[in-house]
Amino acid sequence: MTLSLPRRSDFCDVRSTIVAPRPESYCLANQHAEFPHRTQRQWLLLPSRLLSRRSLGFRVLSWVVVGVPLVLVPGVGCSSLLYRFSTVTPPTCVANPISLPPAEDNFVWLQVVDVVDDFFHIRSEQPVQNRGDIILDGRLETSYLAGASLGEPWRKDSTSGFERLQSTLQSIRRRAIVTVRPQGAGYELEVVVQKELEDTDRSQFATEGAAAPRREVTINRTDDGIDDTPRTLGWISLGRDATLEQVILQDILGRVTKPDGKRLLHR
């Protein structure tokens, strides 16, 4: 019996198969159906292309980020920025209380409120009145505020030097009481800044006087209610902060007596 092997021509040669090209209209009509991921990928890559370093969008954004602050800082005034970060004690001292020249009572009181608000949070205020037969003392009280530390240069409630260092190492709080008394057509201004030190039962990480759990038995994983933080017993008065009083006094005096300086873009 003779076995015949299949010939090569009996099979279909795929490589020799010729596929007719599709018409152009068909390709355009079915482009999104065949390759939908291409269109989505183009939209996803659009933000990265716009923000690439060589693109025009990145250059415009860089000029906006860098140029806008350079334009606004001169318009606002560099003195405003220096005022926020300046807490240097004045070289000369003025009397406390100090006399203010004659001015409108509403104007004087607004200057007092504006200055004190840069240092503390105002709790209560009674505006001064000096109009005709109506004469009333003005009084402003602030809330207690924890002293600004060396790591908070933007806060102004601690003057530079010893006061700021002490507020960094100790728990110090301050509050201000400002009184404006009419004196004829003028006024008498008094600023009192009270400073207090926190009194605790022990130091922050001290172990004396603290309750210690027993360890000779099996450790109990339940909460035993032991609080390791110091407890505040009260506040010890440290008198008055004379340096901060001088800063507030001279700031109010300068606003009432001196004219405003000219600035860029100032009308």
Protein backbone atom coordinates (compact mmCIF):
# COMPACT_ATOMS: atom_id res chain seq x y z
CA MET A 1 0.00 0.00 0.00
CA THR A 2 1.42 3.31 -1.05
CA LEU A 3 0.91 6.42 1.13
CA SER A 4 0.78 9.75 -0.64
CA LEU A 5 1.98 12.80 1.23
CA PRO A 6 0.09 16.05 0.88
CA ARG A 7 1.55 18.51 -1.51
CA ARG A 8 2.40 22.06 -0.61
CA SER A 9 -0.13 23.43 -3.03
CA ASP A 10 -2.94 21.72 -1.13
CA PHE A 11 -2.54 24.18 1.77
CA CYS A 12 -3.38 27.88 1.76
CA ASP A 13 -0.29 30.05 1.92
CA VAL A 14 -1.18 32.96 4.14
CA ARG A 15 1.85 34.96 3.12
CA SER A 16 0.84 34.77 -0.49
CA THR A 17 -2.64 36.05 0.24
CA ILE A 18 -3.12 39.56 -1.12
CA VAL A 19 -5.41 41.83 0.91
CA ALA A 20 -7.00 44.64 -1.03
CA PRO A 21 -6.47 48.08 0.51
CA ARG A 22 -9.46 49.73 2.08
CA PRO A 23 -10.80 52.90 0.54
CA GLU A 24 -9.84 56.23 2.13
CA SER A 25 -13.41 57.09 3.06
CA TYR A 26 -13.75 53.86 4.99
CA CYS A 27 -10.56 54.55 6.94
CA LEU A 28 -11.66 58.05 7.91
CA ALA A 29 -15.09 56.85 8.95
CA ASN A 30 -13.77 54.02 11.12
CA GLN A 31 -10.63 55.66 12.51
CA HIS A 32 -12.09 56.30 15.98
CA ALA A 33 -13.78 52.90 16.07
CA GLU A 34 -10.58 50.99 15.33
CA PHE A 35 -8.17 53.06 17.43
CA PRO A 36 -10.15 54.86 20.17
CA HIS A 37 -7.17 54.85 22.54
CA ARG A 38 -5.22 57.15 20.26
CA THR A 39 -7.69 60.01 20.64
CA GLN A 40 -7.90 59.55 24.40
CA ARG A 41 -4.12 59.46 24.71
CA GLN A 42 -3.82 62.72 22.79
CA TRP A 43 -6.19 64.46 25.21
CA LEU A 44 -4.31 63.04 28.20
CA LEU A 45 -0.97 64.23 26.85
CA LEU A 46 -2.27 67.72 26.07
CA PRO A 47 -1.65 69.23 29.59
CA SER A 48 1.85 67.76 29.74
CA ARG A 49 2.66 69.18 26.32
CA LEU A 50 1.36 72.61 27.29
CA LEU A 51 3.39 72.62 30.55
CA SER A 52 6.60 71.24 29.11
CA ARG A 53 9.64 73.48 29.51
CA ARG A 54 9.92 74.13 25.79
CA SER A 55 6.25 74.98 25.27
CA LEU A 56 4.84 78.48 25.09
CA GLY A 57 2.32 77.75 27.86
CA PHE A 58 5.07 76.93 30.34
CA ARG A 59 6.91 80.15 29.53
CA VAL A 60 3.75 82.25 29.97
CA LEU A 61 2.98 80.55 33.30
CA SER A 62 6.54 81.13 34.51
CA TRP A 63 6.38 84.82 33.66
CA VAL A 64 3.04 85.15 35.47
CA VAL A 65 4.26 83.38 38.63
CA VAL A 66 7.50 85.37 38.77
CA GLY A 67 6.32 88.70 37.39
CA VAL A 68 3.09 89.25 39.32
CA PRO A 69 4.78 89.36 42.78
CA LEU A 70 7.46 91.70 41.42
CA VAL A 71 4.74 94.08 40.24
CA LEU A 72 2.54 93.86 43.34
CA VAL A 73 5.28 94.26 45.96
CA PRO A 74 6.26 97.80 44.86
CA GLY A 75 2.59 98.69 44.51
CA VAL A 76 1.76 97.57 48.03
CA GLY A 77 5.00 98.96 49.38
CA CYS A 78 8.05 97.24 50.81
CA SER A 79 7.47 99.14 54.04
CA SER A 80 4.30 97.11 54.67
CA LEU A 81 6.26 93.87 54.43
CA LEU A 82 9.02 95.20 56.69
CA TYR A 83 6.41 96.43 59.17
CA ARG A 84 4.99 92.92 59.50
CA PHE A 85 8.39 91.35 60.26
CA SER A 86 9.79 94.22 62.35
CA THR A 87 9.51 94.06 66.16
CA VAL A 88 12.62 95.99 67.09
CA THR A 89 12.40 98.08 70.26
CA PRO A 90 12.49 101.83 69.49
CA PRO A 91 15.83 103.47 70.39
CA THR A 92 14.08 106.24 72.33
CA CYS A 93 11.30 106.00 74.87
CA VAL A 94 8.22 108.18 75.15
CA ALA A 95 6.05 108.89 78.15
CA ASN A 96 3.31 106.43 79.03
CA PRO A 97 0.65 107.88 79.11
CA ILE A 98 1.43 110.27 76.25
CA SER A 99 -0.46 113.31 74.98
CA LEU A 100 -1.86 113.32 71.44
CA PRO A 101 -2.52 116.49 69.43
CA PRO A 102 -6.09 117.68 68.68
CA ALA A 103 -7.83 115.52 66.06
CA GLU A 104 -11.19 114.03 65.28
CA ASP A 105 -12.15 111.44 67.87
CA ASN A 106 -13.23 108.87 65.28
CA PHE A 107 -9.91 109.20 63.44
CA VAL A 108 -7.87 108.75 66.62
CA TRP A 109 -9.82 105.71 67.69
CA LEU A 110 -9.53 104.03 64.30
CA GLN A 111 -5.75 104.42 64.43
CA VAL A 112 -5.66 102.84 67.88
CA VAL A 113 -7.75 99.87 66.77
CA ASP A 114 -5.72 99.39 63.58
CA VAL A 115 -2.41 99.32 65.45
CA VAL A 116 -3.50 97.06 68.31
CA ASP A 117 -5.09 94.61 65.86
CA ASP A 118 -1.62 93.98 64.37
CA PHE A 119 -0.43 92.65 67.76
CA PHE A 120 -3.43 91.04 69.49
CA HIS A 121 -6.98 89.88 68.99
CA ILE A 122 -9.39 92.54 70.25
CA ARG A 123 -11.94 91.26 72.75
CA SER A 124 -13.89 94.43 73.58
CA GLU A 125 -13.74 98.13 72.78
CA GLN A 126 -15.52 101.33 73.79
CA PRO A 127 -14.74 104.15 71.31
CA VAL A 128 -13.61 107.52 72.62
CA GLN A 129 -16.02 110.45 72.22
CA ASN A 130 -14.97 114.08 72.29
CA ARG A 131 -17.68 116.07 70.52
CA GLY A 132 -19.36 119.03 72.11
CA ASP A 133 -20.89 118.08 75.44
CA ILE A 134 -20.27 114.35 74.93
CA ILE A 135 -16.98 113.33 76.53
CA LEU A 136 -16.29 109.64 77.06
CA ASP A 137 -13.07 107.74 77.64
CA GLY A 138 -12.17 105.09 75.10
CA ARG A 139 -11.09 101.68 76.35
CA LEU A 140 -9.85 98.66 74.39
CA GLU A 141 -9.06 95.22 75.81
CA THR A 142 -7.53 92.26 74.01
CA SER A 143 -7.60 88.54 74.64
CA TYR A 144 -4.63 86.69 76.10
CA LEU A 145 -2.24 85.54 73.41
CA ALA A 146 0.62 83.05 73.72
CA GLY A 147 3.94 84.78 73.12
CA ALA A 148 5.49 84.62 69.66
CA SER A 149 8.58 82.40 69.45
CA LEU A 150 11.70 82.61 67.32
CA GLY A 151 10.03 80.37 64.75
CA GLU A 152 7.22 82.89 64.21
CA PRO A 153 8.86 86.06 62.83
CA TRP A 154 5.59 87.31 61.30
CA ARG A 155 3.97 87.76 64.73
CA LYS A 156 4.51 91.07 66.50
CA ASP A 157 3.37 90.39 70.07
CA SER A 158 6.96 89.64 71.19
CA THR A 159 9.73 92.16 70.63
CA SER A 160 13.15 91.12 69.39
CA GLY A 161 15.80 89.94 71.82
CA PHE A 162 15.05 88.74 75.32
CA GLU A 163 11.24 88.85 75.08
CA ARG A 164 11.08 86.63 72.01
CA LEU A 165 13.68 84.23 73.40
CA GLN A 166 11.80 83.96 76.69
CA SER A 167 8.55 83.28 74.85
CA THR A 168 10.33 80.48 72.98
CA LEU A 169 11.67 78.73 76.09
CA GLN A 170 8.78 79.44 78.47
CA SER A 171 4.98 79.50 78.30
CA ILE A 172 4.31 83.25 78.21
CA ARG A 173 1.05 85.01 77.46
CA ARG A 174 0.24 88.70 77.06
CA ARG A 175 -2.71 90.98 76.73
CA ALA A 176 -3.06 94.72 76.15
CA ILE A 177 -5.33 97.38 77.65
CA VAL A 178 -5.42 100.72 75.82
CA THR A 179 -7.14 103.80 77.26
CA VAL A 180 -7.77 107.09 75.42
CA ARG A 181 -8.88 110.01 77.60
CA PRO A 182 -10.05 113.35 76.14
CA GLN A 183 -7.95 116.29 77.33
CA GLY A 184 -9.60 119.42 75.96
CA ALA A 185 -9.21 119.18 72.17
CA GLY A 186 -6.42 116.60 72.52
CA TYR A 187 -6.14 113.18 74.08
CA GLU A 188 -4.13 111.19 76.56
CA LEU A 189 -3.08 107.73 75.44
CA GLU A 190 -2.08 104.95 77.84
CA VAL A 191 -1.00 101.44 76.84
CA VAL A 192 -0.63 98.61 79.38
CA VAL A 193 0.68 95.20 78.29
CA GLN A 194 0.42 92.52 80.97
CA LYS A 195 2.76 89.52 80.82
CA GLU A 196 2.18 86.24 82.67
CA LEU A 197 4.06 82.94 83.07
CA GLU A 198 2.29 79.58 83.15
CA ASP A 199 2.49 77.76 86.49
CA THR A 200 2.42 73.96 86.15
CA ASP A 201 2.70 71.12 88.64
CA ARG A 202 5.92 69.86 87.01
CA SER A 203 8.11 70.27 83.95
CA GLN A 204 7.21 68.96 80.53
CA PHE A 205 9.20 65.71 80.58
CA ALA A 206 9.82 65.36 84.30
CA THR A 207 9.05 62.07 86.06
CA GLU A 208 8.81 63.24 89.67
CA GLY A 209 5.28 63.27 91.02
CA ALA A 210 3.91 61.35 88.03
CA ALA A 211 1.93 58.16 88.49
CA ALA A 212 3.78 55.03 87.36
CA PRO A 213 1.99 51.77 86.47
CA ARG A 214 2.96 48.56 88.28
CA ARG A 215 5.07 46.14 86.23
CA GLU A 216 5.54 43.13 88.54
CA VAL A 217 2.39 41.49 87.17
CA THR A 218 1.14 40.80 83.67
CA ILE A 219 0.90 43.98 81.65
CA ASN A 220 -2.64 45.22 81.33
CA ARG A 221 -3.30 46.59 77.86
CA THR A 222 -6.39 48.54 78.84
CA ASP A 223 -6.29 52.29 79.27
CA ASP A 224 -5.29 53.06 82.84
CA GLY A 225 -6.22 56.73 82.61
CA ILE A 226 -2.73 58.05 83.39
CA ASP A 227 -2.08 61.49 81.89
CA ASP A 228 1.61 62.34 81.58
CA THR A 229 1.09 65.96 80.51
CA PRO A 230 1.64 68.70 83.10
CA ARG A 231 -1.42 70.38 84.60
CA THR A 232 -1.79 74.14 84.62
CA LEU A 233 -2.20 75.43 88.17
CA GLY A 234 -2.47 79.09 87.23
CA TRP A 235 -0.54 82.02 85.80
CA ILE A 236 2.17 84.03 87.53
CA SER A 237 2.22 87.74 86.83
CA LEU A 238 5.53 89.03 85.45
CA GLY A 239 4.50 92.69 85.47
CA ARG A 240 4.31 94.78 82.33
CA ASP A 241 6.09 94.37 79.00
CA ALA A 242 7.56 97.87 78.67
CA THR A 243 9.25 97.21 75.32
CA LEU A 244 6.02 96.18 73.61
CA GLU A 245 4.23 99.15 75.18
CA GLN A 246 6.76 101.48 73.57
CA VAL A 247 6.32 99.84 70.17
CA ILE A 248 2.54 100.24 70.30
CA LEU A 249 2.71 103.79 71.69
CA GLN A 250 5.11 105.08 69.07
CA ASP A 251 3.23 103.35 66.27
CA ILE A 252 -0.03 105.08 67.26
CA LEU A 253 1.76 108.41 67.78
CA GLY A 254 3.34 108.22 64.34
CA ARG A 255 0.03 107.47 62.63
CA VAL A 256 -1.75 110.36 64.33
CA THR A 257 0.96 113.02 63.96
CA LYS A 258 2.86 112.12 60.76
CA PRO A 259 1.43 112.29 57.22
CA ASP A 260 1.26 109.18 55.08
CA GLY A 261 4.30 108.53 52.91
CA LYS A 262 3.98 108.40 49.12
CA ARG A 263 4.02 104.99 47.51
CA LEU A 264 4.00 103.62 44.00
CA LEU A 265 0.47 103.42 42.55
CA HIS A 266 -0.77 105.53 45.49
CA ARG A 267 -3.39 108.16 44.66
